[in-house]
C-alpha cells in the first residue's frame, strides 16, 4: 500500500500579501524572518511553526489562511 505524504504551499500567503499591498520584503521586515526562511517559503519548503505564528500575528490571520496542505501518494 502506498504511503500518503503531504506537500505544503504558501500560495494563500502570497495572495494575501498582494491583496494587502505588501511585498515579501515588507513582510520580512514586519516579522523579522530571515532571508533564508523566506527563500524556503518561496520554494514551498517546511519552516518552523514560530515563523508561521509570527506571520499570522502580523497579518491578523490563521495558519490555514497562509498555508495549504496537498496530500499525495508516495511516489507521486
N, C-alpha and C. Protein backbone atom coordinates (compact mmCIF):
# COMPACT_ATOMS: atom_id res chain seq x y z
N UNK A 1 0.85 -1.18 0.00
CA UNK A 1 0.00 0.00 0.00
C UNK A 1 0.89 1.24 0.00
N UNK A 2 0.54 2.21 -0.80
CA UNK A 2 1.32 3.43 -0.91
C UNK A 2 1.11 4.31 0.32
N UNK A 3 2.21 4.85 0.82
CA UNK A 3 2.15 5.74 1.98
C UNK A 3 1.76 7.15 1.51
N UNK A 4 0.86 7.79 2.26
CA UNK A 4 0.46 9.15 1.91
C UNK A 4 1.42 10.14 2.55
N UNK A 5 1.82 11.11 1.79
CA UNK A 5 2.66 12.19 2.29
C UNK A 5 1.97 13.49 1.95
N UNK A 6 2.39 14.54 2.62
CA UNK A 6 1.78 15.84 2.37
C UNK A 6 2.83 16.82 1.89
N UNK A 7 2.43 17.64 0.94
CA UNK A 7 3.25 18.76 0.49
C UNK A 7 2.55 20.01 0.98
N UNK A 8 3.32 21.04 1.19
CA UNK A 8 2.72 22.31 1.58
C UNK A 8 3.03 23.35 0.53
N UNK A 9 2.18 24.35 0.48
CA UNK A 9 2.50 25.52 -0.35
C UNK A 9 1.97 26.75 0.34
N UNK A 10 2.55 27.85 -0.02
CA UNK A 10 2.23 29.13 0.60
C UNK A 10 1.47 30.05 -0.34
N UNK A 11 0.78 29.49 -1.33
CA UNK A 11 0.01 30.31 -2.27
C UNK A 11 -0.96 31.25 -1.56
N UNK A 12 -1.66 30.76 -0.52
CA UNK A 12 -2.58 31.69 0.16
C UNK A 12 -1.85 32.90 0.78
N UNK A 13 -0.65 32.68 1.26
CA UNK A 13 0.13 33.79 1.83
C UNK A 13 0.48 34.80 0.75
N UNK A 14 0.97 34.32 -0.39
CA UNK A 14 1.37 35.25 -1.46
C UNK A 14 0.15 36.03 -1.96
N UNK A 15 -1.00 35.35 -2.04
CA UNK A 15 -2.22 36.05 -2.47
C UNK A 15 -2.61 37.10 -1.43
N UNK A 16 -2.51 36.76 -0.16
CA UNK A 16 -2.86 37.70 0.89
C UNK A 16 -1.96 38.93 0.86
N UNK A 17 -0.67 38.72 0.60
CA UNK A 17 0.25 39.85 0.50
C UNK A 17 -0.16 40.78 -0.63
N UNK A 18 -0.53 40.20 -1.76
CA UNK A 18 -0.98 41.01 -2.90
C UNK A 18 -2.24 41.79 -2.52
N UNK A 19 -3.19 41.08 -1.90
CA UNK A 19 -4.45 41.73 -1.51
C UNK A 19 -4.23 42.87 -0.53
N UNK A 20 -3.24 42.73 0.35
CA UNK A 20 -2.96 43.76 1.36
C UNK A 20 -1.95 44.79 0.87
N UNK A 21 -1.42 44.61 -0.34
CA UNK A 21 -0.46 45.55 -0.89
C UNK A 21 0.90 45.49 -0.21
N UNK A 22 1.26 44.31 0.29
CA UNK A 22 2.55 44.14 0.97
C UNK A 22 3.51 43.34 0.09
N UNK A 23 4.77 43.67 0.17
CA UNK A 23 5.80 42.90 -0.53
C UNK A 23 6.37 41.86 0.42
N UNK A 24 7.09 40.89 -0.13
CA UNK A 24 7.77 39.90 0.70
C UNK A 24 8.79 40.60 1.60
N UNK A 25 9.46 41.61 1.07
CA UNK A 25 10.45 42.35 1.86
C UNK A 25 9.80 43.05 3.05
N UNK A 26 8.63 43.62 2.84
CA UNK A 26 7.92 44.30 3.92
C UNK A 26 7.47 43.28 4.97
N UNK A 27 7.02 42.11 4.53
CA UNK A 27 6.64 41.06 5.47
C UNK A 27 7.85 40.63 6.30
N UNK A 28 8.98 40.46 5.65
CA UNK A 28 10.21 40.10 6.37
C UNK A 28 10.54 41.15 7.42
N UNK A 29 10.40 42.39 7.05
CA UNK A 29 10.69 43.50 7.96
C UNK A 29 9.75 43.48 9.16
N UNK A 30 8.46 43.26 8.92
CA UNK A 30 7.45 43.27 9.99
C UNK A 30 7.60 42.09 10.94
N UNK A 31 8.14 40.97 10.46
CA UNK A 31 8.16 39.73 11.24
C UNK A 31 9.55 39.26 11.64
N UNK A 32 10.58 39.95 11.20
CA UNK A 32 11.97 39.55 11.49
C UNK A 32 12.29 38.14 11.00
N UNK A 33 11.75 37.79 9.85
CA UNK A 33 12.03 36.49 9.25
C UNK A 33 13.35 36.58 8.49
N UNK A 34 14.18 35.57 8.64
CA UNK A 34 15.45 35.52 7.92
C UNK A 34 15.21 35.39 6.42
N UNK A 35 16.11 35.94 5.66
CA UNK A 35 16.02 35.86 4.20
C UNK A 35 15.99 34.39 3.75
N UNK A 36 16.80 33.55 4.39
CA UNK A 36 16.84 32.13 4.03
C UNK A 36 15.50 31.44 4.28
N UNK A 37 14.79 31.86 5.31
CA UNK A 37 13.47 31.31 5.60
C UNK A 37 12.48 31.72 4.53
N UNK A 38 12.57 32.96 4.09
CA UNK A 38 11.68 33.43 3.02
C UNK A 38 11.95 32.64 1.73
N UNK A 39 13.21 32.32 1.47
CA UNK A 39 13.54 31.51 0.29
C UNK A 39 12.90 30.13 0.42
N UNK A 40 12.98 29.53 1.61
CA UNK A 40 12.34 28.23 1.82
C UNK A 40 10.85 28.31 1.53
N UNK A 41 10.22 29.37 2.01
CA UNK A 41 8.78 29.52 1.78
C UNK A 41 8.48 29.71 0.30
N UNK A 42 9.31 30.46 -0.38
CA UNK A 42 9.13 30.67 -1.81
C UNK A 42 9.23 29.34 -2.56
N UNK A 43 10.05 28.43 -2.03
CA UNK A 43 10.23 27.11 -2.65
C UNK A 43 9.29 26.05 -2.05
N UNK A 44 8.29 26.50 -1.29
CA UNK A 44 7.30 25.60 -0.68
C UNK A 44 7.95 24.52 0.19
N UNK A 45 8.92 24.92 0.98
CA UNK A 45 9.57 24.02 1.92
C UNK A 45 9.03 24.30 3.32
N UNK A 46 9.20 23.32 4.19
CA UNK A 46 8.74 23.48 5.57
C UNK A 46 9.57 24.54 6.30
N UNK A 47 8.90 25.31 7.15
CA UNK A 47 9.57 26.28 8.02
C UNK A 47 9.05 26.05 9.44
N UNK A 48 9.72 26.62 10.41
CA UNK A 48 9.35 26.44 11.81
C UNK A 48 7.98 27.04 12.10
N UNK A 49 7.28 26.41 13.01
CA UNK A 49 5.94 26.87 13.38
C UNK A 49 5.97 28.30 13.92
N UNK A 50 7.01 28.67 14.65
CA UNK A 50 7.05 30.03 15.20
C UNK A 50 7.10 31.08 14.09
N UNK A 51 7.65 30.74 12.95
CA UNK A 51 7.67 31.66 11.81
C UNK A 51 6.24 31.87 11.32
N UNK A 52 5.50 30.78 11.19
CA UNK A 52 4.12 30.88 10.73
C UNK A 52 3.27 31.67 11.72
N UNK A 53 3.52 31.47 13.00
CA UNK A 53 2.77 32.20 14.02
C UNK A 53 3.08 33.70 13.94
N UNK A 54 4.34 34.06 13.76
CA UNK A 54 4.70 35.48 13.63
C UNK A 54 4.01 36.11 12.43
N UNK A 55 3.93 35.38 11.32
CA UNK A 55 3.25 35.89 10.14
C UNK A 55 1.76 36.08 10.43
N UNK A 56 1.17 35.10 11.08
CA UNK A 56 -0.26 35.19 11.41
C UNK A 56 -0.55 36.39 12.31
N UNK A 57 0.31 36.63 13.26
CA UNK A 57 0.13 37.78 14.15
C UNK A 57 0.25 39.07 13.36
N UNK A 58 1.26 39.15 12.50
CA UNK A 58 1.48 40.38 11.72
C UNK A 58 0.34 40.64 10.74
N UNK A 59 -0.23 39.59 10.18
CA UNK A 59 -1.29 39.74 9.17
C UNK A 59 -2.70 39.57 9.75
N UNK A 60 -2.77 39.31 11.05
CA UNK A 60 -4.04 39.11 11.74
C UNK A 60 -4.87 38.03 11.03
N UNK A 61 -4.30 36.83 10.95
CA UNK A 61 -4.96 35.72 10.27
C UNK A 61 -4.64 34.41 10.96
N UNK A 62 -5.15 33.32 10.43
CA UNK A 62 -4.89 31.97 10.94
C UNK A 62 -3.88 31.27 10.04
N UNK A 63 -3.30 30.20 10.57
CA UNK A 63 -2.32 29.44 9.79
C UNK A 63 -2.95 28.90 8.51
N UNK A 64 -4.19 28.45 8.58
CA UNK A 64 -4.81 27.91 7.36
C UNK A 64 -5.12 29.01 6.33
N UNK A 65 -4.97 30.28 6.72
CA UNK A 65 -5.11 31.38 5.77
C UNK A 65 -3.83 31.60 4.96
N UNK A 66 -2.71 31.01 5.40
CA UNK A 66 -1.44 31.27 4.72
C UNK A 66 -0.75 30.02 4.19
N UNK A 67 -1.24 28.84 4.58
CA UNK A 67 -0.60 27.58 4.15
C UNK A 67 -1.66 26.63 3.64
N UNK A 68 -1.36 25.95 2.53
CA UNK A 68 -2.21 24.87 2.02
C UNK A 68 -1.47 23.55 2.17
N UNK A 69 -2.19 22.50 2.50
CA UNK A 69 -1.62 21.16 2.58
C UNK A 69 -2.16 20.36 1.40
N UNK A 70 -1.25 19.80 0.62
CA UNK A 70 -1.63 18.99 -0.54
C UNK A 70 -1.23 17.55 -0.25
N UNK A 71 -2.21 16.67 -0.16
CA UNK A 71 -1.91 15.27 0.10
C UNK A 71 -1.59 14.56 -1.18
N UNK A 72 -0.53 13.77 -1.14
CA UNK A 72 -0.12 12.99 -2.31
C UNK A 72 0.20 11.57 -1.87
N UNK A 73 0.16 10.65 -2.80
CA UNK A 73 0.60 9.29 -2.52
C UNK A 73 2.09 9.23 -2.73
N UNK A 74 2.77 8.37 -1.96
CA UNK A 74 4.22 8.21 -2.09
C UNK A 74 4.54 7.81 -3.52
N UNK A 75 5.51 8.49 -4.10
CA UNK A 75 5.90 8.21 -5.47
C UNK A 75 5.31 9.17 -6.47
N UNK A 76 4.36 10.00 -6.06
CA UNK A 76 3.77 11.00 -6.96
C UNK A 76 4.68 12.18 -7.08
